[in-house]
Amino acid sequence: MATAASPRTRVVDEHMFTVARALGPTTFRLQLFTATGLRPVAVVTQPEREGLSLMNGAERYAAAVWMRYLPDDPEPPIWVQRQFVNSTADAFTQVLFTVTGPHTPANPRWRRLTDQTLAALVGAPVDADRGAGGYARSARAAAGGTAAGTTRATGTG
């Protein structure tokens, strides 16, 4: 599947994508962009205190998105992440993986992306923040543990 920069359509905007862990769940915003014949692009954003950081959980999180949304694809989506620390955002970072088995990304390598490079890769607007539907794990627990802020478009563009 091609990875070229080309217009893709955002088909998923899940503000509280959740990955279970022994020490409690991790949440982040997932925007998934697809186009026929092109490798999908996953853009994830996460502030502090939403579980294991994007950097430390990159393989696990990419595998979870791959299994849930793209189970028949031979490789994970192009993985782009942005971590918010102390209310400020790091630059977007593309994480490159080696695929070692079915739904098993490994050996992450990071490279910074400019906002312009990301826009060219996706070919569609990318929201750079956490999104209005996301909230800290402590707030989610107080709300009864419900997941909110998920929208899905139909089709694959």
Protein backbone atom coordinates (compact mmCIF):
# COMPACT_ATOMS: atom_id res chain seq x y z
CA MET A 1 0.00 0.00 0.00
CA ALA A 2 1.39 3.41 -0.93
CA THR A 3 2.41 5.91 1.74
CA ALA A 4 2.54 8.95 -0.54
CA ALA A 5 1.25 12.33 0.44
CA SER A 6 -2.22 12.57 -1.01
CA PRO A 7 -5.69 13.63 0.05
CA ARG A 8 -7.17 11.35 2.66
CA THR A 9 -10.51 11.60 4.45
CA ARG A 10 -10.87 11.60 8.23
CA VAL A 11 -13.06 8.55 8.89
CA VAL A 12 -12.56 8.33 12.66
CA ASP A 13 -12.30 11.06 15.29
CA GLU A 14 -12.35 9.23 18.61
CA HIS A 15 -11.64 11.59 21.47
CA MET A 16 -11.32 8.87 24.11
CA PHE A 17 -9.62 5.93 22.40
CA THR A 18 -8.89 3.61 25.32
CA VAL A 19 -6.21 0.94 25.70
CA ALA A 20 -6.49 -1.32 28.76
CA ARG A 21 -3.42 -1.77 30.97
CA ALA A 22 -2.80 -3.47 34.31
CA LEU A 23 -2.15 -0.08 35.97
CA GLY A 24 -5.31 1.47 34.54
CA PRO A 25 -6.45 2.47 31.07
CA THR A 26 -4.68 4.89 28.78
CA THR A 27 -6.67 7.33 26.67
CA PHE A 28 -5.82 9.55 23.73
CA ARG A 29 -7.52 11.21 20.79
CA LEU A 30 -7.36 9.25 17.53
CA GLN A 31 -7.95 10.78 14.12
CA LEU A 32 -7.76 8.18 11.35
CA PHE A 33 -7.41 9.28 7.73
CA THR A 34 -7.87 6.92 4.77
CA ALA A 35 -7.97 6.92 0.97
CA THR A 36 -8.31 4.10 -1.52
CA GLY A 37 -4.91 2.64 -2.38
CA LEU A 38 -3.02 4.66 0.24
CA ARG A 39 -1.77 3.59 3.64
CA PRO A 40 -3.99 5.05 6.39
CA VAL A 41 -2.61 7.76 8.68
CA ALA A 42 -3.38 7.71 12.42
CA VAL A 43 -2.85 11.00 14.26
CA VAL A 44 -2.98 10.70 18.05
CA THR A 45 -2.79 13.40 20.72
CA GLN A 46 -2.55 13.01 24.48
CA PRO A 47 -2.07 15.35 27.44
CA GLU A 48 -0.38 14.31 30.67
CA ARG A 49 -2.09 12.03 33.16
CA GLU A 50 -4.05 9.94 30.69
CA GLY A 51 -2.04 6.80 31.33
CA LEU A 52 1.18 5.58 29.78
CA SER A 53 2.64 8.27 27.49
CA LEU A 54 2.44 8.01 23.73
CA MET A 55 6.20 7.61 23.53
CA ASN A 56 6.34 4.76 26.05
CA GLY A 57 3.31 2.96 24.63
CA ALA A 58 3.74 3.60 20.90
CA GLU A 59 3.89 -0.07 19.86
CA ARG A 60 0.95 -1.07 22.06
CA TYR A 61 -1.20 1.84 20.91
CA ALA A 62 -0.41 1.41 17.21
CA ALA A 63 -1.26 -2.29 17.52
CA ALA A 64 -4.58 -1.49 19.23
CA VAL A 65 -5.60 0.97 16.50
CA TRP A 66 -4.43 -1.44 13.79
CA MET A 67 -6.45 -4.33 15.26
CA ARG A 68 -9.60 -2.29 15.89
CA TYR A 69 -9.86 -0.28 12.69
CA LEU A 70 -7.61 -1.93 10.09
CA PRO A 71 -7.50 -5.65 11.00
CA ASP A 72 -7.00 -6.82 7.41
CA ASP A 73 -4.16 -4.42 6.56
CA PRO A 74 -0.66 -5.98 6.33
CA GLU A 75 0.97 -3.10 8.22
CA PRO A 76 -0.07 -0.53 10.80
CA PRO A 77 -1.25 2.92 9.80
CA ILE A 78 1.35 5.63 9.41
CA TRP A 79 1.61 6.65 13.07
CA VAL A 80 1.85 10.33 14.00
CA GLN A 81 1.68 11.48 17.61
CA ARG A 82 1.71 14.67 19.64
CA GLN A 83 2.22 14.65 23.41
CA PHE A 84 1.13 17.59 25.57
CA VAL A 85 3.37 18.21 28.61
CA ASN A 86 2.57 20.92 31.15
CA SER A 87 -0.22 22.18 28.86
CA THR A 88 2.19 22.74 25.96
CA ALA A 89 2.44 20.49 22.94
CA ASP A 90 5.51 18.85 21.55
CA ALA A 91 5.87 18.91 17.78
CA PHE A 92 4.17 16.19 15.79
CA THR A 93 6.34 13.08 15.58
CA GLN A 94 6.07 10.24 13.10
CA VAL A 95 6.84 6.86 14.60
CA LEU A 96 8.28 4.28 12.21
CA PHE A 97 7.90 0.61 13.14
CA THR A 98 9.27 -2.74 12.03
CA VAL A 99 6.43 -5.26 11.68
CA THR A 100 7.47 -8.49 13.41
CA GLY A 101 4.18 -10.40 13.12
CA PRO A 102 0.43 -9.97 12.69
CA HIS A 103 -0.59 -6.71 14.39
CA THR A 104 2.85 -6.53 16.01
CA PRO A 105 4.73 -3.27 15.44
CA ALA A 106 8.17 -3.14 17.09
CA ASN A 107 11.42 -1.18 17.21
CA PRO A 108 9.92 2.33 17.14
CA ARG A 109 11.95 5.14 15.62
CA TRP A 110 10.84 8.75 15.91
CA ARG A 111 11.21 11.70 13.57
CA ARG A 112 9.76 15.17 13.95
CA LEU A 113 7.21 16.48 11.47
CA THR A 114 6.29 20.08 10.86
CA ASP A 115 2.62 21.01 10.73
CA GLN A 116 3.09 21.64 7.01
CA THR A 117 4.63 18.20 6.41
CA LEU A 118 1.76 16.54 8.25
CA ALA A 119 -0.82 18.53 6.28
CA ALA A 120 0.88 17.47 3.03
CA LEU A 121 1.02 13.81 4.13
CA VAL A 122 -2.64 13.66 5.12
CA GLY A 123 -3.96 16.05 2.49
CA ALA A 124 -6.78 17.06 4.83
CA PRO A 125 -7.17 19.25 7.92
CA VAL A 126 -5.76 17.71 11.11
CA ASP A 127 -6.89 18.97 14.50
CA ALA A 128 -3.71 19.49 16.49
CA ASP A 129 -5.25 19.48 19.96
CA ARG A 130 -6.81 16.98 22.34
CA GLY A 131 -10.33 17.82 21.24
CA ALA A 132 -13.37 18.96 23.18
CA GLY A 133 -14.53 15.39 23.84
CA GLY A 134 -11.46 14.37 25.84
CA TYR A 135 -11.02 14.64 29.56
CA ALA A 136 -8.63 13.33 32.20
CA ARG A 137 -9.04 9.81 33.59
CA SER A 138 -10.05 11.18 37.01
CA ALA A 139 -12.90 13.15 35.40
CA ARG A 140 -13.98 10.06 33.43
CA ALA A 141 -14.12 7.99 36.61
CA ALA A 142 -16.28 10.66 38.25
CA ALA A 143 -18.59 10.56 35.24
CA GLY A 144 -19.13 6.83 35.67
CA GLY A 145 -16.42 5.64 33.28
CA THR A 146 -18.34 6.38 30.11
CA ALA A 147 -16.59 7.00 26.84
CA ALA A 148 -17.59 10.19 25.08
CA GLY A 149 -16.59 12.20 22.08
CA THR A 150 -16.51 9.58 19.36
CA THR A 151 -17.58 10.39 15.85
CA ARG A 152 -17.14 8.25 12.78
CA ALA A 153 -17.68 9.19 9.21
CA THR A 154 -18.84 6.53 6.83
CA GLY A 155 -16.82 5.36 3.88
CA THR A 156 -13.10 5.37 3.28
CA GLY A 157 -12.79 8.37 1.00
